Amino acid sequence: MKKRIITALLALFLLSVQLGCAKETADNIQITATINGLDKGEEATLTISQEGSAASEELFFKRDVRSDGEKAITVDIATNLKDGYYQLLLEAPDKYFREPKGYFFMVSQSQIVNPTGMKVIFNLLPQPAGLVAEAYISLSAPPKAPPPPGPLFNVVTLPHEARYLPGEPVAVQLIFTNVTTSPVTLEYLPQIHVTKHLDTAPVLYSQVGAEQRVDTKPDEKIITDFIWDQKDTNGEQVPPGWYDITWKPSDAPRPIDGKIGLGSSAMVLIQHPQGAMEKTIEVNESRTVNDITITLERIALTTKGMMIYVRGTLPYIPPPSKNSSMESIAEYSVDGGEVIPLHKNGSLYRENGSEFHWGGTHPGMLDPVPSDAKELVFRIKNIFMTHAPDDIVKGPFEFKIPLE
C-alpha cells in the first residue's frame, strides 16, 4: 500500500513538472499594449504577424477589444514566437488616426529585442486635415544618440508614405522648423530630389522652390509645397515602384555648415496599373555551390512590396559581433526585365543555419510584383561578414520561381 502511494505521488509530481514546463515554453513572448481614445461601444483589433505580411496572412495573435467607455484599455498579450521579425498592428474604425499604426519588433533567443524598454501605446486621435500618414515604430531599434549640437532647423518631407497610380500628381511638402530658442533666418532654397528607394544615385528628378530668405521665430514652421509629375529628368514617366523624396542632394548628408538637422524623407509608391500580386509562395528549394547549401524558403508578395526569406549553413563565416553583420550581394528580375540589385538584407545568425531576408521596413522595401508576372529570378552572388570581408561565401545561388 505504501509503495502504491509513493508511486502515485511520484506520477503526480512528474505530471506537474511537465505541465509547468509546458506553461513556461508555450508563451515565450509577453507584451502589454495600451489603447487610448477608443469610444464607448466601439471595437479595435490587435494582431501579430510577420513583418511586412498582409492582413490576410498567418496571424500569431489576434485579440478583439471593445471599449466600455474607459480612457485607456490595457491588453496583455502572451504568445509563442520563434526568432524572427514581427509586427504588432492595431485595426480601428476609419474615423481614427492611429498614432502609431503599429510596432515592428524582433525576437532573438526567444525574447523580444527592446533595448530602450519602450512601452507599447496606441493613441486613437481624430483624423487630421491635410497630408499626414500613419506611422510604424520599431521596438527593436537601438537607442538614439543625443542630437549633435548646432542645427538651427529641422526639416520634414511629407508624405511619409503614400501610393499613387501612374501619372497622378504627387503632392510633396517641405516643413522647416526653427528648433532653437531664438529668432533665426532661413537662408536655404527649398528643394526636393527624387531617387529610387534605397538608391542614392542617380537623382531622377529635382525641383527648387522660389528663392527666399525668411526670418523665423522659435518653433515657427516654414512650409513649401511641391508637385512631382512622376517624370524623370528626361521627361519620361518613371516605372512603378518605391521612390524616396528628400529635401537635399542625395549625396550630401547635411548642409556643410550644419545649420539644418537631419529630418525625415518621403516614400512614394507608384503602383502597377494592373495591380500587384498578393500571395505567399512556399518555395523550399536548395542550391549547393562549393559545398555550401542555400535554401530559398518562401517569397511573400503584397501590394506594399516583396519579401524574400532564405536559410543557409555557413561553416566558415564567424558569428557576428556588435560591430559587424552578415551582408550579401544579391539581385532579382521579373519576366526577364531589368536586373535589380538588392542593397540591404536582414539576418539572424544561428549555429544550425543563418537566416536572411530582403524587403520590409528593415532593411528596406522592395517593389511590388505586377499581378500578371510570370517568373521571378532571384540570385545571391556572395555572402560575407562586414568585419571579415575575406571570409566570403561565393555563389551564385540562383532560383527561378514560377509566379502563375
Protein backbone atom coordinates (compact mmCIF):
# COMPACT_ATOMS: atom_id res chain seq x y z
CA MET A 1 0.00 0.00 0.00
CA LYS A 2 2.78 2.40 0.92
CA LYS A 3 4.56 1.59 -2.35
CA ARG A 4 1.40 2.41 -4.33
CA ILE A 5 1.05 5.78 -2.58
CA ILE A 6 4.68 6.68 -3.29
CA THR A 7 4.27 5.66 -6.94
CA ALA A 8 1.11 7.77 -7.29
CA LEU A 9 2.76 10.81 -5.68
CA LEU A 10 5.76 10.44 -7.98
CA ALA A 11 3.49 10.30 -11.03
CA LEU A 12 1.63 13.44 -9.89
CA PHE A 13 4.96 15.21 -9.31
CA LEU A 14 6.23 14.34 -12.80
CA LEU A 15 2.94 15.45 -14.35
CA SER A 16 3.11 18.80 -12.54
CA VAL A 17 6.70 19.32 -13.73
CA GLN A 18 5.66 18.57 -17.31
CA LEU A 19 2.73 20.96 -17.11
CA GLY A 20 4.96 23.61 -15.57
CA CYS A 21 7.49 23.25 -18.38
CA ALA A 22 4.73 23.41 -20.96
CA LYS A 23 3.45 26.61 -19.41
CA GLU A 24 6.91 28.18 -19.49
CA THR A 25 7.53 27.34 -23.14
CA ALA A 26 4.01 27.87 -24.51
CA ASP A 27 4.02 31.67 -24.31
CA ASN A 28 7.59 32.92 -24.51
CA ILE A 29 6.58 36.43 -25.61
CA GLN A 30 4.61 38.77 -23.37
CA ILE A 31 3.61 42.32 -24.30
CA THR A 32 1.36 44.81 -22.55
CA ALA A 33 -0.35 47.17 -25.00
CA THR A 34 -2.35 50.28 -24.06
CA ILE A 35 -5.05 51.70 -26.33
CA ASN A 36 -6.10 55.30 -25.64
CA GLY A 37 -9.11 57.09 -27.09
CA LEU A 38 -11.43 54.27 -28.24
CA ASP A 39 -15.01 55.50 -27.84
CA LYS A 40 -17.56 53.56 -25.82
CA GLY A 41 -19.12 50.64 -27.70
CA GLU A 42 -16.52 50.65 -30.47
CA GLU A 43 -14.12 47.83 -31.25
CA ALA A 44 -10.49 47.54 -32.26
CA THR A 45 -8.30 44.53 -33.06
CA LEU A 46 -4.69 43.77 -32.18
CA THR A 47 -2.79 41.28 -34.36
CA ILE A 48 0.75 39.92 -34.56
CA SER A 49 2.09 38.69 -37.89
CA GLN A 50 5.40 38.55 -39.73
CA GLU A 51 6.81 41.95 -40.58
CA GLY A 52 5.64 43.12 -43.98
CA SER A 53 2.92 40.48 -44.32
CA ALA A 54 -0.61 41.27 -45.45
CA ALA A 55 -3.51 41.23 -43.01
CA SER A 56 -4.92 38.08 -44.59
CA GLU A 57 -1.77 36.03 -43.97
CA GLU A 58 -0.92 33.91 -40.92
CA LEU A 59 -1.61 35.57 -37.59
CA PHE A 60 0.28 34.52 -34.47
CA PHE A 61 -2.04 36.54 -32.19
CA LYS A 62 -5.43 38.21 -32.54
CA ARG A 63 -7.49 39.95 -29.88
CA ASP A 64 -10.70 41.95 -30.36
CA VAL A 65 -11.10 44.78 -27.86
CA ARG A 66 -14.36 46.56 -27.04
CA SER A 67 -14.50 49.84 -25.13
CA ASP A 68 -16.81 50.26 -22.15
CA GLY A 69 -16.03 53.97 -22.02
CA GLU A 70 -12.70 53.82 -20.24
CA LYS A 71 -9.99 56.29 -21.34
CA ALA A 72 -7.32 53.61 -21.59
CA ILE A 73 -7.63 49.90 -22.36
CA THR A 74 -4.82 47.57 -21.30
CA VAL A 75 -4.31 44.35 -23.25
CA ASP A 76 -1.94 41.65 -22.02
CA ILE A 77 -0.54 39.69 -24.95
CA ALA A 78 1.00 36.26 -24.46
CA THR A 79 2.04 34.14 -27.43
CA ASN A 80 4.74 31.80 -28.66
CA LEU A 81 7.03 33.23 -31.37
CA LYS A 82 10.14 31.85 -32.99
CA ASP A 83 13.16 34.07 -33.56
CA GLY A 84 12.41 36.47 -36.41
CA TYR A 85 10.81 39.78 -37.37
CA TYR A 86 7.20 40.62 -36.50
CA GLN A 87 4.65 43.42 -36.48
CA LEU A 88 2.02 44.29 -33.88
CA LEU A 89 -0.80 46.14 -35.65
CA LEU A 90 -3.93 47.90 -34.41
CA GLU A 91 -7.04 47.87 -36.60
CA ALA A 92 -9.57 50.55 -35.62
CA PRO A 93 -12.58 52.33 -37.17
CA ASP A 94 -11.71 54.65 -40.07
CA LYS A 95 -12.62 57.78 -38.12
CA TYR A 96 -9.44 57.40 -36.02
CA PHE A 97 -5.87 58.39 -36.82
CA ARG A 98 -3.62 55.73 -35.26
CA GLU A 99 -0.54 57.05 -33.53
CA PRO A 100 1.19 54.76 -34.27
CA LYS A 101 -0.39 52.33 -36.72
CA GLY A 102 1.78 49.53 -35.36
CA TYR A 103 5.07 48.38 -33.88
CA PHE A 104 7.82 46.36 -35.53
CA PHE A 105 9.90 44.10 -33.29
CA MET A 106 12.48 41.33 -33.45
CA VAL A 107 12.52 38.13 -31.42
CA SER A 108 16.01 36.79 -30.71
CA GLN A 109 16.79 33.84 -28.46
CA SER A 110 13.06 33.61 -27.64
CA GLN A 111 12.95 37.17 -26.28
CA ILE A 112 11.74 40.49 -27.69
CA VAL A 113 14.62 42.84 -28.52
CA ASN A 114 13.62 46.12 -26.84
CA PRO A 115 16.87 47.90 -25.88
CA THR A 116 15.20 51.12 -24.72
CA GLY A 117 12.38 49.48 -22.74
CA MET A 118 9.81 51.22 -24.91
CA LYS A 119 6.17 50.85 -23.89
CA VAL A 120 3.54 49.84 -26.44
CA ILE A 121 0.95 52.61 -26.53
CA PHE A 122 -1.62 53.27 -29.26
CA ASN A 123 -3.33 56.68 -29.34
CA LEU A 124 -6.54 56.95 -31.37
CA LEU A 125 -6.95 60.55 -32.50
CA PRO A 126 -9.39 62.38 -34.80
CA GLN A 127 -8.36 62.22 -38.47
CA PRO A 128 -6.21 65.32 -39.16
CA ALA A 129 -6.71 67.64 -42.10
CA GLY A 130 -4.01 67.66 -44.74
CA LEU A 131 -1.28 65.29 -45.85
CA VAL A 132 -0.41 63.07 -42.88
CA ALA A 133 0.39 59.34 -42.96
CA GLU A 134 0.08 56.83 -40.12
CA ALA A 135 3.49 55.56 -39.00
CA TYR A 136 5.15 52.49 -37.51
CA ILE A 137 7.54 52.43 -34.53
CA SER A 138 10.35 49.92 -34.06
CA LEU A 139 10.63 48.43 -30.56
CA SER A 140 13.94 46.83 -31.51
CA ALA A 141 15.71 49.94 -32.80
CA PRO A 142 18.91 50.83 -30.92
CA PRO A 143 18.85 53.79 -28.52
CA LYS A 144 19.13 57.10 -30.32
CA ALA A 145 22.27 59.10 -29.73
CA PRO A 146 21.75 62.66 -28.46
CA PRO A 147 21.37 65.09 -31.36
CA PRO A 148 24.59 66.82 -32.41
CA PRO A 149 24.90 70.42 -31.30
CA GLY A 150 24.37 73.18 -33.79
CA PRO A 151 21.37 72.61 -36.08
CA LEU A 152 19.04 75.57 -36.20
CA PHE A 153 16.32 73.92 -38.27
CA ASN A 154 14.76 70.51 -38.57
CA VAL A 155 13.14 69.53 -41.87
CA VAL A 156 10.39 67.01 -42.60
CA THR A 157 9.36 65.80 -46.06
CA LEU A 158 5.72 64.74 -46.46
CA PRO A 159 4.06 62.39 -47.18
CA HIS A 160 5.99 59.88 -45.06
CA GLU A 161 4.37 57.17 -47.18
CA ALA A 162 1.76 57.38 -49.94
CA ARG A 163 0.58 55.47 -53.03
CA TYR A 164 -0.26 56.79 -56.48
CA LEU A 165 -1.29 55.39 -59.85
CA PRO A 166 0.99 56.19 -62.80
CA GLY A 167 0.64 59.80 -63.94
CA GLU A 168 -1.10 61.10 -60.81
CA PRO A 169 0.47 64.29 -59.41
CA VAL A 170 2.48 63.62 -56.25
CA ALA A 171 1.99 66.35 -53.65
CA VAL A 172 5.09 66.99 -51.54
CA GLN A 173 5.62 69.34 -48.61
CA LEU A 174 8.85 70.54 -47.04
CA ILE A 175 8.42 71.75 -43.48
CA PHE A 176 11.34 73.62 -41.91
CA THR A 177 11.05 74.20 -38.14
CA ASN A 178 13.15 76.58 -36.07
CA VAL A 179 14.30 74.28 -33.25
CA THR A 180 16.17 76.96 -31.30
CA THR A 181 15.02 79.38 -28.61
CA SER A 182 15.93 82.44 -30.70
CA PRO A 183 14.88 84.06 -33.99
CA VAL A 184 16.84 82.58 -36.91
CA THR A 185 16.95 83.40 -40.62
CA LEU A 186 16.33 80.55 -43.06
CA GLU A 187 18.69 81.14 -45.97
CA TYR A 188 18.25 77.88 -47.89
CA LEU A 189 16.39 77.34 -51.12
CA PRO A 190 13.64 74.77 -50.52
CA GLN A 191 14.34 71.90 -52.92
CA ILE A 192 13.33 68.30 -53.45
CA HIS A 193 15.21 65.39 -55.02
CA VAL A 194 13.67 62.09 -56.17
CA THR A 195 15.66 58.84 -56.23
CA LYS A 196 14.78 55.16 -56.39
CA HIS A 197 14.19 53.80 -52.89
CA LEU A 198 17.48 52.86 -51.15
CA ASP A 199 19.41 54.00 -54.23
CA THR A 200 21.17 57.35 -53.70
CA ALA A 201 22.01 57.79 -57.38
CA PRO A 202 21.08 58.90 -59.87
CA VAL A 203 18.78 61.78 -58.99
CA LEU A 204 15.75 61.10 -61.17
CA TYR A 205 14.12 64.49 -60.64
CA SER A 206 14.80 67.70 -58.77
CA GLN A 207 12.89 70.91 -58.22
CA VAL A 208 13.85 74.14 -56.47
CA GLY A 209 11.31 76.39 -54.79
CA ALA A 210 11.16 80.15 -55.09
CA GLU A 211 14.22 81.88 -53.69
CA GLN A 212 13.51 83.30 -50.27
CA ARG A 213 15.17 84.48 -47.10
CA VAL A 214 12.81 84.05 -44.19
CA ASP A 215 13.13 85.25 -40.60
CA THR A 216 11.68 82.67 -38.20
CA LYS A 217 10.68 82.67 -34.55
CA PRO A 218 11.33 79.76 -32.16
CA ASP A 219 9.18 76.73 -33.14
CA GLU A 220 7.92 78.53 -36.26
CA LYS A 221 7.38 76.36 -39.34
CA ILE A 222 8.07 77.33 -42.95
CA ILE A 223 6.06 75.17 -45.38
CA THR A 224 6.79 74.88 -49.11
CA ASP A 225 4.54 72.87 -51.46
CA PHE A 226 5.80 70.95 -54.49
CA ILE A 227 4.16 68.81 -57.17
CA TRP A 228 6.07 65.93 -58.82
CA ASP A 229 4.53 64.76 -62.08
CA GLN A 230 6.19 61.31 -61.80
CA LYS A 231 8.57 62.16 -64.65
CA ASP A 232 12.35 61.89 -64.63
CA THR A 233 14.88 64.46 -65.81
CA ASN A 234 14.25 63.37 -69.42
CA GLY A 235 10.52 63.97 -69.12
CA GLU A 236 9.70 60.25 -69.12
CA GLN A 237 7.22 58.56 -66.79
CA VAL A 238 9.10 56.64 -64.09
CA PRO A 239 8.24 52.92 -63.79
CA PRO A 240 6.12 51.57 -60.89
CA GLY A 241 7.93 51.07 -57.59
CA TRP A 242 9.07 52.81 -54.43
CA TYR A 243 10.77 56.23 -54.58
CA ASP A 244 12.44 58.40 -51.94
CA ILE A 245 11.85 62.14 -51.94
CA THR A 246 14.42 64.14 -49.95
CA TRP A 247 14.96 67.82 -49.38
CA LYS A 248 18.68 67.80 -50.15
CA PRO A 249 21.07 66.41 -52.75
CA SER A 250 21.16 62.65 -52.22
CA ASP A 251 24.97 62.58 -51.89
CA ALA A 252 25.05 65.27 -49.17
CA PRO A 253 24.16 64.03 -45.64
CA ARG A 254 23.59 67.61 -44.46
CA PRO A 255 24.40 71.20 -45.47
CA ILE A 256 28.10 71.85 -45.00
CA ASP A 257 27.50 74.45 -42.29
CA GLY A 258 25.35 72.07 -40.22
CA LYS A 259 22.52 74.57 -39.70
CA ILE A 260 19.81 72.12 -40.71
CA GLY A 261 19.46 68.86 -38.83
CA LEU A 262 18.65 65.55 -40.45
CA GLY A 263 14.93 65.10 -40.92
CA SER A 264 12.63 62.51 -42.42
CA SER A 265 12.18 61.74 -46.11
CA ALA A 266 9.06 60.85 -48.03
CA MET A 267 8.39 57.42 -49.52
CA VAL A 268 6.10 57.21 -52.54
CA LEU A 269 4.83 54.05 -54.23
CA ILE A 270 3.92 54.31 -57.90
CA GLN A 271 1.52 51.38 -58.28
CA HIS A 272 1.24 48.92 -61.14
CA PRO A 273 -1.82 49.91 -63.21
CA GLN A 274 -2.84 46.23 -63.46
CA GLY A 275 -2.44 45.78 -59.71
CA ALA A 276 0.11 43.95 -57.57
CA MET A 277 0.42 40.23 -56.94
CA GLU A 278 -0.76 39.14 -53.47
CA LYS A 279 0.27 35.69 -52.29
CA THR A 280 2.94 33.76 -50.42
CA ILE A 281 4.91 31.17 -52.36
CA GLU A 282 6.42 28.36 -50.30
CA VAL A 283 9.48 27.58 -52.43
CA ASN A 284 11.70 25.41 -50.17
CA GLU A 285 14.29 24.81 -52.88
CA SER A 286 18.04 24.46 -52.24
CA ARG A 287 21.12 25.22 -54.29
CA THR A 288 24.60 23.92 -53.44
CA VAL A 289 27.77 25.66 -54.62
CA ASN A 290 31.25 24.80 -53.32
CA ASP A 291 29.70 22.52 -50.65
CA ILE A 292 27.57 25.38 -49.32
CA THR A 293 23.79 24.93 -49.43
CA ILE A 294 21.40 27.85 -49.55
CA THR A 295 17.64 27.28 -49.27
CA LEU A 296 15.06 29.72 -50.57
CA GLU A 297 12.21 29.13 -48.12
CA ARG A 298 9.44 31.45 -49.30
CA ILE A 299 8.55 34.69 -51.05
CA ALA A 300 5.78 36.94 -49.72
CA LEU A 301 4.11 39.20 -52.29
CA THR A 302 1.78 42.03 -51.20
CA THR A 303 0.51 45.34 -52.55
CA LYS A 304 3.17 47.01 -50.44
CA GLY A 305 6.15 45.02 -51.68
CA MET A 306 8.03 41.74 -51.79
CA MET A 307 9.90 39.90 -49.04
CA ILE A 308 12.38 37.07 -49.67
CA TYR A 309 13.35 34.56 -46.95
CA VAL A 310 16.50 32.41 -47.17
CA ARG A 311 18.32 29.97 -44.86
CA GLY A 312 21.89 28.72 -45.21
CA THR A 313 24.56 26.85 -43.26
CA LEU A 314 27.78 28.86 -43.48
CA PRO A 315 30.52 26.82 -41.75
CA TYR A 316 33.41 29.26 -42.11
CA ILE A 317 31.51 32.50 -41.56
CA PRO A 318 32.21 33.59 -37.94
CA PRO A 319 29.35 34.71 -35.67
CA PRO A 320 28.52 38.42 -35.98
CA SER A 321 29.54 40.87 -33.27
CA LYS A 322 28.18 44.25 -32.22
CA ASN A 323 30.25 45.92 -34.91
CA SER A 324 29.56 43.50 -37.74
CA SER A 325 26.73 41.90 -39.65
CA MET A 326 26.16 39.33 -42.38
CA GLU A 327 25.84 41.08 -45.73
CA SER A 328 25.20 39.87 -49.25
CA ILE A 329 25.41 40.81 -52.89
CA ALA A 330 22.10 39.76 -54.42
CA GLU A 331 19.73 40.69 -57.22
CA TYR A 332 16.43 39.76 -58.85
CA SER A 333 14.46 40.26 -62.03
CA VAL A 334 10.86 39.75 -63.13
CA ASP A 335 9.97 38.22 -66.51
CA GLY A 336 13.47 38.76 -67.89
CA GLY A 337 13.34 42.51 -67.27
CA GLU A 338 15.80 44.83 -65.58
CA VAL A 339 18.12 43.15 -63.05
CA ILE A 340 17.53 44.95 -59.77
CA PRO A 341 20.29 44.93 -57.13
CA LEU A 342 19.31 44.22 -53.52
CA HIS A 343 21.21 46.76 -51.47
CA LYS A 344 20.48 45.58 -47.92
CA ASN A 345 19.46 42.38 -46.15
CA GLY A 346 18.38 41.47 -42.64
CA SER A 347 19.98 38.46 -40.96
CA LEU A 348 19.80 36.24 -37.91
CA TYR A 349 22.83 34.12 -37.01
CA ARG A 350 22.15 30.59 -35.80
CA GLU A 351 24.56 27.74 -35.14
CA ASN A 352 22.45 25.38 -37.26
CA GLY A 353 21.92 27.82 -40.11
CA SER A 354 21.73 31.55 -40.62
CA GLU A 355 18.56 33.28 -41.81
CA PHE A 356 18.41 36.13 -44.30
CA HIS A 357 15.60 38.29 -45.57
CA TRP A 358 15.22 41.06 -48.09
CA GLY A 359 12.37 43.56 -48.07
CA GLY A 360 10.15 45.02 -45.36
CA THR A 361 10.68 48.18 -43.34
CA HIS A 362 14.02 46.81 -42.17
CA PRO A 363 16.25 46.67 -44.15
CA GLY A 364 14.13 48.41 -46.81
CA MET A 365 11.10 47.99 -49.05
CA LEU A 366 11.23 46.03 -52.29
CA ASP A 367 8.90 46.94 -55.13
CA PRO A 368 5.59 45.06 -55.52
CA VAL A 369 5.42 42.49 -58.32
CA PRO A 370 2.81 43.12 -61.04
CA SER A 371 -0.24 40.84 -60.88
CA ASP A 372 0.35 39.43 -64.36
CA ALA A 373 4.03 38.50 -63.85
CA LYS A 374 5.09 35.00 -64.92
CA GLU A 375 8.53 34.35 -63.39
CA LEU A 376 10.89 35.73 -60.77
CA VAL A 377 14.63 35.07 -60.85
CA PHE A 378 16.49 35.57 -57.54
CA ARG A 379 20.26 35.29 -57.31
CA ILE A 380 22.74 35.53 -54.39
CA LYS A 381 26.25 36.24 -55.64
CA ASN A 382 28.19 36.46 -52.35
CA ILE A 383 27.68 36.39 -48.58
CA PHE A 384 30.25 37.88 -46.21
CA MET A 385 30.83 39.48 -42.80
CA THR A 386 31.35 43.24 -42.70
CA HIS A 387 34.29 42.86 -40.27
CA ALA A 388 35.80 39.90 -42.18
CA PRO A 389 35.17 40.52 -45.91
CA ASP A 390 37.75 37.88 -46.88
CA ASP A 391 35.59 35.14 -45.31
CA ILE A 392 33.21 35.01 -48.22
CA VAL A 393 30.67 32.51 -49.49
CA LYS A 394 30.79 32.64 -53.27
CA GLY A 395 27.83 31.76 -55.45
CA PRO A 396 25.95 32.28 -57.49
CA PHE A 397 22.92 30.64 -55.88
CA GLU A 398 20.15 31.12 -58.46
CA PHE A 399 16.45 30.38 -58.14
CA LYS A 400 13.75 30.59 -60.80
CA ILE A 401 10.29 30.86 -59.27
CA PRO A 402 7.10 30.48 -61.36
CA LEU A 403 4.54 33.08 -60.31
CA GLU A 404 1.46 31.79 -62.11
